[in-house]
Structures are given as C-alpha cells and as structure tokens.
Amino acid sequence: MSNAQQLLLEGSSDAVGFVGGALLGWGVSHVLGLDLFAQGYGAGSIAAIALVGLGGGLGLKLARLWRKRKTV
C-alpha cells in the first residue's frame, strides 16, 4: 500500500469513527432527554455536550484499534 493510500485510510477511518461516535453520543443524550442545543448552558446541555465528546473520542479510539488490527 502506498503512502498516499495509507494516509487516506488513516484519515477516513478517523473521521468515520469520530463522527459515528459523536452521533451515538448525541443519540444517547437524546434518549436520556438531554437537549444538546438548549438555550444557555444548563446541566442537561452540558451533560449532552459531554456525551457527544465522549462518544467522539471513543469512536476515534475504536477506529484506531480497528486500523491497528487490520495492519497486523
């Protein structure tokens, strides 16, 4: 695999993992009744923001683990 293909795989898998995880975090916050886009920064809004951030980070981590296993 060429360097350009490797970089494309790395970037696209990171992006898919991050966005997928963030969407999953948003879905969990929505199911819990937390409004991510609420006016102001109430406790529910901050909790929803944290869930989206955690989901994005976990999705990115899973994408990197997947890529590592694929190359070994």
Foldseek 3Di string as FASTA:
>chain_A
DDPVVVVVLLVVLLVCLLVVQLVVLLVVLVVVVQDCPDPDDDPSNVSSVVSSVVRSVVSNVVSVVVVVVVVD
